[in-house]
PDB file of N, CA and C in Angstrom:
ATOM      1  N   MET A   1     -12.566  -4.858  13.096  1.00  0.00           N
ATOM      2  CA  MET A   1     -11.956  -3.984  14.068  1.00  0.00           C
ATOM      3  C   MET A   1     -12.777  -4.046  15.337  1.00  0.00           C
ATOM      4  N   SER A   2     -12.115  -4.157  16.460  1.00  0.00           N
ATOM      5  CA  SER A   2     -12.811  -4.203  17.735  1.00  0.00           C
ATOM      6  C   SER A   2     -13.105  -2.791  18.235  1.00  0.00           C
ATOM      7  N   VAL A   3     -14.082  -2.684  19.090  1.00  0.00           N
ATOM      8  CA  VAL A   3     -14.466  -1.397  19.658  1.00  0.00           C
ATOM      9  C   VAL A   3     -13.321  -0.852  20.500  1.00  0.00           C
ATOM     10  N   GLY A   4     -13.023   0.431  20.323  1.00  0.00           N
ATOM     11  CA  GLY A   4     -11.997   1.067  21.115  1.00  0.00           C
ATOM     12  C   GLY A   4     -10.577   0.723  20.726  1.00  0.00           C
ATOM     13  N   ALA A   5     -10.341   0.274  19.510  1.00  0.00           N
ATOM     14  CA  ALA A   5      -8.988  -0.072  19.061  1.00  0.00           C
ATOM     15  C   ALA A   5      -8.210   1.198  18.716  1.00  0.00           C
ATOM     16  N   SER A   6      -6.934   1.232  19.103  1.00  0.00           N
ATOM     17  CA  SER A   6      -6.062   2.362  18.781  1.00  0.00           C
ATOM     18  C   SER A   6      -5.328   2.080  17.475  1.00  0.00           C
ATOM     19  N   TYR A   7      -5.270   3.090  16.618  1.00  0.00           N
ATOM     20  CA  TYR A   7      -4.614   2.950  15.326  1.00  0.00           C
ATOM     21  C   TYR A   7      -3.684   4.113  15.065  1.00  0.00           C
ATOM     22  N   GLN A   8      -2.673   3.849  14.231  1.00  0.00           N
ATOM     23  CA  GLN A   8      -1.728   4.862  13.787  1.00  0.00           C
ATOM     24  C   GLN A   8      -1.739   4.904  12.268  1.00  0.00           C
ATOM     25  N   PHE A   9      -1.701   6.110  11.740  1.00  0.00           N
ATOM     26  CA  PHE A   9      -1.619   6.337  10.299  1.00  0.00           C
ATOM     27  C   PHE A   9      -0.350   7.146  10.065  1.00  0.00           C
ATOM     28  N   VAL A  10       0.612   6.580   9.372  1.00  0.00           N
ATOM     29  CA  VAL A  10       1.861   7.275   9.078  1.00  0.00           C
ATOM     30  C   VAL A  10       1.764   7.797   7.649  1.00  0.00           C
ATOM     31  N   VAL A  11       1.871   9.119   7.513  1.00  0.00           N
ATOM     32  CA  VAL A  11       1.771   9.732   6.192  1.00  0.00           C
ATOM     33  C   VAL A  11       3.085  10.403   5.823  1.00  0.00           C
ATOM     34  N   ASP A  12       3.334  10.444   4.534  1.00  0.00           N
ATOM     35  CA  ASP A  12       4.548  11.059   4.014  1.00  0.00           C
ATOM     36  C   ASP A  12       4.447  12.569   4.154  1.00  0.00           C
ATOM     37  N   GLY A  13       5.502  13.172   4.636  1.00  0.00           N
ATOM     38  CA  GLY A  13       5.572  14.620   4.727  1.00  0.00           C
ATOM     39  C   GLY A  13       5.305  15.149   6.127  1.00  0.00           C
ATOM     40  N   VAL A  14       5.788  16.358   6.338  1.00  0.00           N
ATOM     41  CA  VAL A  14       5.540  17.079   7.581  1.00  0.00           C
ATOM     42  C   VAL A  14       4.268  17.882   7.354  1.00  0.00           C
ATOM     43  N   LEU A  15       3.191  17.458   7.987  1.00  0.00           N
ATOM     44  CA  LEU A  15       1.902  18.105   7.758  1.00  0.00           C
ATOM     45  C   LEU A  15       1.818  19.441   8.485  1.00  0.00           C
ATOM     46  N   SER A  16       1.183  20.393   7.832  1.00  0.00           N
ATOM     47  CA  SER A  16       0.971  21.704   8.442  1.00  0.00           C
ATOM     48  C   SER A  16      -0.116  21.604   9.505  1.00  0.00           C
ATOM     49  N   ALA A  17      -0.181  22.613  10.352  1.00  0.00           N
ATOM     50  CA  ALA A  17      -1.220  22.656  11.388  1.00  0.00           C
ATOM     51  C   ALA A  17      -2.605  22.650  10.743  1.00  0.00           C
ATOM     52  N   ARG A  18      -2.734  23.269   9.603  1.00  0.00           N
ATOM     53  CA  ARG A  18      -4.026  23.313   8.904  1.00  0.00           C
ATOM     54  C   ARG A  18      -4.468  21.921   8.455  1.00  0.00           C
ATOM     55  N   VAL A  19      -3.559  21.139   7.920  1.00  0.00           N
ATOM     56  CA  VAL A  19      -3.896  19.780   7.489  1.00  0.00           C
ATOM     57  C   VAL A  19      -4.176  18.903   8.708  1.00  0.00           C
ATOM     58  N   ILE A  20      -3.372  19.034   9.743  1.00  0.00           N
ATOM     59  CA  ILE A  20      -3.603  18.262  10.960  1.00  0.00           C
ATOM     60  C   ILE A  20      -4.982  18.567  11.539  1.00  0.00           C
ATOM     61  N   ALA A  21      -5.417  19.813  11.424  1.00  0.00           N
ATOM     62  CA  ALA A  21      -6.734  20.217  11.934  1.00  0.00           C
ATOM     63  C   ALA A  21      -7.880  19.500  11.217  1.00  0.00           C
ATOM     64  N   ALA A  22      -7.603  18.936  10.053  1.00  0.00           N
ATOM     65  CA  ALA A  22      -8.625  18.184   9.314  1.00  0.00           C
ATOM     66  C   ALA A  22      -8.904  16.833   9.963  1.00  0.00           C
ATOM     67  N   PHE A  23      -8.133  16.489  10.980  1.00  0.00           N
ATOM     68  CA  PHE A  23      -8.283  15.216  11.702  1.00  0.00           C
ATOM     69  C   PHE A  23      -8.502  15.502  13.196  1.00  0.00           C
ATOM     70  N   PRO A  24      -9.624  16.141  13.565  1.00  0.00           N
ATOM     71  CA  PRO A  24      -9.815  16.540  14.966  1.00  0.00           C
ATOM     72  C   PRO A  24      -9.922  15.367  15.934  1.00  0.00           C
ATOM     73  N   GLU A  25     -10.250  14.195  15.438  1.00  0.00           N
ATOM     74  CA  GLU A  25     -10.391  13.026  16.313  1.00  0.00           C
ATOM     75  C   GLU A  25      -9.058  12.328  16.568  1.00  0.00           C
ATOM     76  N   LEU A  26      -7.991  12.822  15.943  1.00  0.00           N
ATOM     77  CA  LEU A  26      -6.671  12.200  16.076  1.00  0.00           C
ATOM     78  C   LEU A  26      -5.662  13.178  16.652  1.00  0.00           C
ATOM     79  N   ARG A  27      -4.617  12.635  17.248  1.00  0.00           N
ATOM     80  CA  ARG A  27      -3.468  13.427  17.681  1.00  0.00           C
ATOM     81  C   ARG A  27      -2.378  13.248  16.625  1.00  0.00           C
ATOM     82  N   ALA A  28      -1.471  14.184  16.561  1.00  0.00           N
ATOM     83  CA  ALA A  28      -0.415  14.128  15.550  1.00  0.00           C
ATOM     84  C   ALA A  28       0.959  14.209  16.194  1.00  0.00           C
ATOM     85  N   GLN A  29       1.893  13.477  15.588  1.00  0.00           N
ATOM     86  CA  GLN A  29       3.301  13.545  15.978  1.00  0.00           C
ATOM     87  C   GLN A  29       4.099  13.736  14.691  1.00  0.00           C
ATOM     88  N   VAL A  30       4.748  14.884  14.576  1.00  0.00           N
ATOM     89  CA  VAL A  30       5.513  15.226  13.383  1.00  0.00           C
ATOM     90  C   VAL A  30       6.959  14.805  13.584  1.00  0.00           C
ATOM     91  N   ASP A  31       7.500  14.110  12.580  1.00  0.00           N
ATOM     92  CA  ASP A  31       8.899  13.681  12.594  1.00  0.00           C
ATOM     93  C   ASP A  31       9.607  14.403  11.454  1.00  0.00           C
ATOM     94  N   GLU A  32      10.111  15.602  11.769  1.00  0.00           N
ATOM     95  CA  GLU A  32      10.760  16.408  10.732  1.00  0.00           C
ATOM     96  C   GLU A  32      12.025  15.747  10.202  1.00  0.00           C
ATOM     97  N   LYS A  33      12.744  15.049  11.058  1.00  0.00           N
ATOM     98  CA  LYS A  33      13.996  14.396  10.647  1.00  0.00           C
ATOM     99  C   LYS A  33      13.749  13.391   9.522  1.00  0.00           C
ATOM    100  N   HIS A  34      12.662  12.616   9.626  1.00  0.00           N
ATOM    101  CA  HIS A  34      12.356  11.593   8.625  1.00  0.00           C
ATOM    102  C   HIS A  34      11.287  12.041   7.627  1.00  0.00           C
ATOM    103  N   GLY A  35      10.777  13.245   7.790  1.00  0.00           N
ATOM    104  CA  GLY A  35       9.822  13.790   6.839  1.00  0.00           C
ATOM    105  C   GLY A  35       8.489  13.055   6.802  1.00  0.00           C
ATOM    106  N   MET A  36       7.947  12.756   7.989  1.00  0.00           N
ATOM    107  CA  MET A  36       6.644  12.097   8.019  1.00  0.00           C
ATOM    108  C   MET A  36       5.879  12.519   9.269  1.00  0.00           C
ATOM    109  N   THR A  37       4.593  12.260   9.231  1.00  0.00           N
ATOM    110  CA  THR A  37       3.711  12.602  10.338  1.00  0.00           C
ATOM    111  C   THR A  37       2.898  11.375  10.704  1.00  0.00           C
ATOM    112  N   THR A  38       2.778  11.119  12.005  1.00  0.00           N
ATOM    113  CA  THR A  38       1.953  10.020  12.499  1.00  0.00           C
ATOM    114  C   THR A  38       0.704  10.601  13.138  1.00  0.00           C
ATOM    115  N   LEU A  39      -0.438  10.136  12.670  1.00  0.00           N
ATOM    116  CA  LEU A  39      -1.729  10.497  13.241  1.00  0.00           C
ATOM    117  C   LEU A  39      -2.201   9.282  14.025  1.00  0.00           C
ATOM    118  N   PHE A  40      -2.665   9.483  15.243  1.00  0.00           N
ATOM    119  CA  PHE A  40      -3.068   8.327  16.032  1.00  0.00           C
ATOM    120  C   PHE A  40      -4.246   8.657  16.938  1.00  0.00           C
ATOM    121  N   GLY A  41      -5.014   7.610  17.237  1.00  0.00           N
ATOM    122  CA  GLY A  41      -6.158   7.769  18.115  1.00  0.00           C
ATOM    123  C   GLY A  41      -6.963   6.493  18.194  1.00  0.00           C
ATOM    124  N   THR A  42      -8.030   6.546  18.958  1.00  0.00           N
ATOM    125  CA  THR A  42      -8.890   5.390  19.175  1.00  0.00           C
ATOM    126  C   THR A  42     -10.085   5.447  18.239  1.00  0.00           C
ATOM    127  N   MET A  43     -10.353   4.340  17.584  1.00  0.00           N
ATOM    128  CA  MET A  43     -11.501   4.216  16.681  1.00  0.00           C
ATOM    129  C   MET A  43     -12.569   3.393  17.384  1.00  0.00           C
ATOM    130  N   ASN A  44     -13.762   3.947  17.483  1.00  0.00           N
ATOM    131  CA  ASN A  44     -14.835   3.239  18.180  1.00  0.00           C
ATOM    132  C   ASN A  44     -15.703   2.394  17.265  1.00  0.00           C
ATOM    133  N   ASP A  45     -15.548   2.578  15.954  1.00  0.00           N
ATOM    134  CA  ASP A  45     -16.333   1.775  15.019  1.00  0.00           C
ATOM    135  C   ASP A  45     -15.658   1.782  13.650  1.00  0.00           C
ATOM    136  N   PRO A  46     -16.014   0.836  12.789  1.00  0.00           N
ATOM    137  CA  PRO A  46     -15.394   0.730  11.461  1.00  0.00           C
ATOM    138  C   PRO A  46     -15.630   1.958  10.579  1.00  0.00           C
ATOM    139  N   THR A  47     -16.730   2.658  10.784  1.00  0.00           N
ATOM    140  CA  THR A  47     -17.025   3.850   9.983  1.00  0.00           C
ATOM    141  C   THR A  47     -15.971   4.925  10.203  1.00  0.00           C
ATOM    142  N   THR A  48     -15.496   5.069  11.417  1.00  0.00           N
ATOM    143  CA  THR A  48     -14.463   6.060  11.715  1.00  0.00           C
ATOM    144  C   THR A  48     -13.200   5.773  10.914  1.00  0.00           C
ATOM    145  N   MET A  49     -12.808   4.515  10.844  1.00  0.00           N
ATOM    146  CA  MET A  49     -11.623   4.120  10.078  1.00  0.00           C
ATOM    147  C   MET A  49     -11.789   4.491   8.604  1.00  0.00           C
ATOM    148  N   ARG A  50     -12.927   4.173   8.036  1.00  0.00           N
ATOM    149  CA  ARG A  50     -13.167   4.484   6.619  1.00  0.00           C
ATOM    150  C   ARG A  50     -13.193   5.988   6.370  1.00  0.00           C
ATOM    151  N   THR A  51     -13.741   6.738   7.305  1.00  0.00           N
ATOM    152  CA  THR A  51     -13.795   8.197   7.170  1.00  0.00           C
ATOM    153  C   THR A  51     -12.392   8.792   7.171  1.00  0.00           C
ATOM    154  N   ILE A  52     -11.545   8.317   8.059  1.00  0.00           N
ATOM    155  CA  ILE A  52     -10.169   8.824   8.123  1.00  0.00           C
ATOM    156  C   ILE A  52      -9.404   8.452   6.855  1.00  0.00           C
ATOM    157  N   MET A  53      -9.548   7.226   6.410  1.00  0.00           N
ATOM    158  CA  MET A  53      -8.871   6.799   5.177  1.00  0.00           C
ATOM    159  C   MET A  53      -9.328   7.648   3.989  1.00  0.00           C
ATOM    160  N   SER A  54     -10.617   7.933   3.923  1.00  0.00           N
ATOM    161  CA  SER A  54     -11.160   8.757   2.848  1.00  0.00           C
ATOM    162  C   SER A  54     -10.598  10.181   2.919  1.00  0.00           C
ATOM    163  N   ARG A  55     -10.506  10.731   4.119  1.00  0.00           N
ATOM    164  CA  ARG A  55      -9.977  12.082   4.292  1.00  0.00           C
ATOM    165  C   ARG A  55      -8.507  12.146   3.882  1.00  0.00           C
ATOM    166  N   ILE A  56      -7.731  11.125   4.225  1.00  0.00           N
ATOM    167  CA  ILE A  56      -6.322  11.064   3.813  1.00  0.00           C
ATOM    168  C   ILE A  56      -6.244  11.099   2.291  1.00  0.00           C
ATOM    169  N   ASP A  57      -7.089  10.307   1.636  1.00  0.00           N
ATOM    170  CA  ASP A  57      -7.118  10.263   0.178  1.00  0.00           C
ATOM    171  C   ASP A  57      -7.580  11.598  -0.412  1.00  0.00           C
ATOM    172  N   ASP A  58      -8.645  12.163   0.136  1.00  0.00           N
ATOM    173  CA  ASP A  58      -9.183  13.432  -0.374  1.00  0.00           C
ATOM    174  C   ASP A  58      -8.166  14.563  -0.298  1.00  0.00           C
ATOM    175  N   LEU A  59      -7.314  14.542   0.730  1.00  0.00           N
ATOM    176  CA  LEU A  59      -6.304  15.581   0.897  1.00  0.00           C
ATOM    177  C   LEU A  59      -5.050  15.321   0.058  1.00  0.00           C
ATOM    178  N   GLY A  60      -5.025  14.196  -0.654  1.00  0.00           N
ATOM    179  CA  GLY A  60      -3.883  13.869  -1.503  1.00  0.00           C
ATOM    180  C   GLY A  60      -2.652  13.451  -0.731  1.00  0.00           C
ATOM    181  N   LEU A  61      -2.845  12.965   0.502  1.00  0.00           N
ATOM    182  CA  LEU A  61      -1.716  12.528   1.312  1.00  0.00           C
ATOM    183  C   LEU A  61      -1.305  11.114   0.931  1.00  0.00           C
ATOM    184  N   THR A  62      -0.037  10.812   1.101  1.00  0.00           N
ATOM    185  CA  THR A  62       0.478   9.477   0.832  1.00  0.00           C
ATOM    186  C   THR A  62       0.566   8.710   2.139  1.00  0.00           C
ATOM    187  N   LEU A  63      -0.244   7.670   2.262  1.00  0.00           N
ATOM    188  CA  LEU A  63      -0.234   6.830   3.455  1.00  0.00           C
ATOM    189  C   LEU A  63       0.918   5.837   3.332  1.00  0.00           C
ATOM    190  N   LEU A  64       1.867   5.915   4.249  1.00  0.00           N
ATOM    191  CA  LEU A  64       3.023   5.013   4.238  1.00  0.00           C
ATOM    192  C   LEU A  64       2.739   3.736   5.012  1.00  0.00           C
ATOM    193  N   GLU A  65       1.954   3.885   6.085  1.00  0.00           N
ATOM    194  CA  GLU A  65       1.695   2.731   6.949  1.00  0.00           C
ATOM    195  C   GLU A  65       0.458   2.987   7.792  1.00  0.00           C
ATOM    196  N   MET A  66      -0.280   1.940   8.030  1.00  0.00           N
ATOM    197  CA  MET A  66      -1.390   1.991   8.976  1.00  0.00           C
ATOM    198  C   MET A  66      -1.253   0.757   9.852  1.00  0.00           C
ATOM    199  N   ARG A  67      -1.329   0.957  11.164  1.00  0.00           N
ATOM    200  CA  ARG A  67      -1.173  -0.191  12.054  1.00  0.00           C
ATOM    201  C   ARG A  67      -2.005  -0.011  13.308  1.00  0.00           C
ATOM    202  N   ARG A  68      -2.382  -1.146  13.861  1.00  0.00           N
ATOM    203  CA  ARG A  68      -3.068  -1.154  15.152  1.00  0.00           C
ATOM    204  C   ARG A  68      -2.005  -1.052  16.237  1.00  0.00           C
ATOM    205  N   SER A  69      -2.219  -0.168  17.165  1.00  0.00           N
ATOM    206  CA  SER A  69      -1.267   0.043  18.250  1.00  0.00           C
ATOM    207  C   SER A  69      -1.537  -0.941  19.381  1.00  0.00           C
ATOM    208  N   PRO A  70      -0.488  -1.341  20.065  1.00  0.00           N
ATOM    209  CA  PRO A  70      -0.687  -2.183  21.242  1.00  0.00           C
ATOM    210  C   PRO A  70      -1.500  -1.404  22.281  1.00  0.00           C
ATOM    211  N   GLN A  71      -2.392  -2.102  22.940  1.00  0.00           N
ATOM    212  CA  GLN A  71      -3.233  -1.455  23.960  1.00  0.00           C
ATOM    213  C   GLN A  71      -2.514  -1.323  25.261  1.00  0.00           C
TER     214      GLN A  71
END
């Protein structure tokens, strides 16, 4: 992963404000129509990516997709 890369994490379900607050380094976009939430932001190092992935797992969320966003 390059420095300053933007990533999106699409998770199953409409996340509550409390769950979204567990990701202070990311912004959230809730899609109630399709029942999913996209978390997105810039990762400055590989450790940040692993931390977010671990937090998604720890919270029992289902990751539908992870992708690098166009800059």
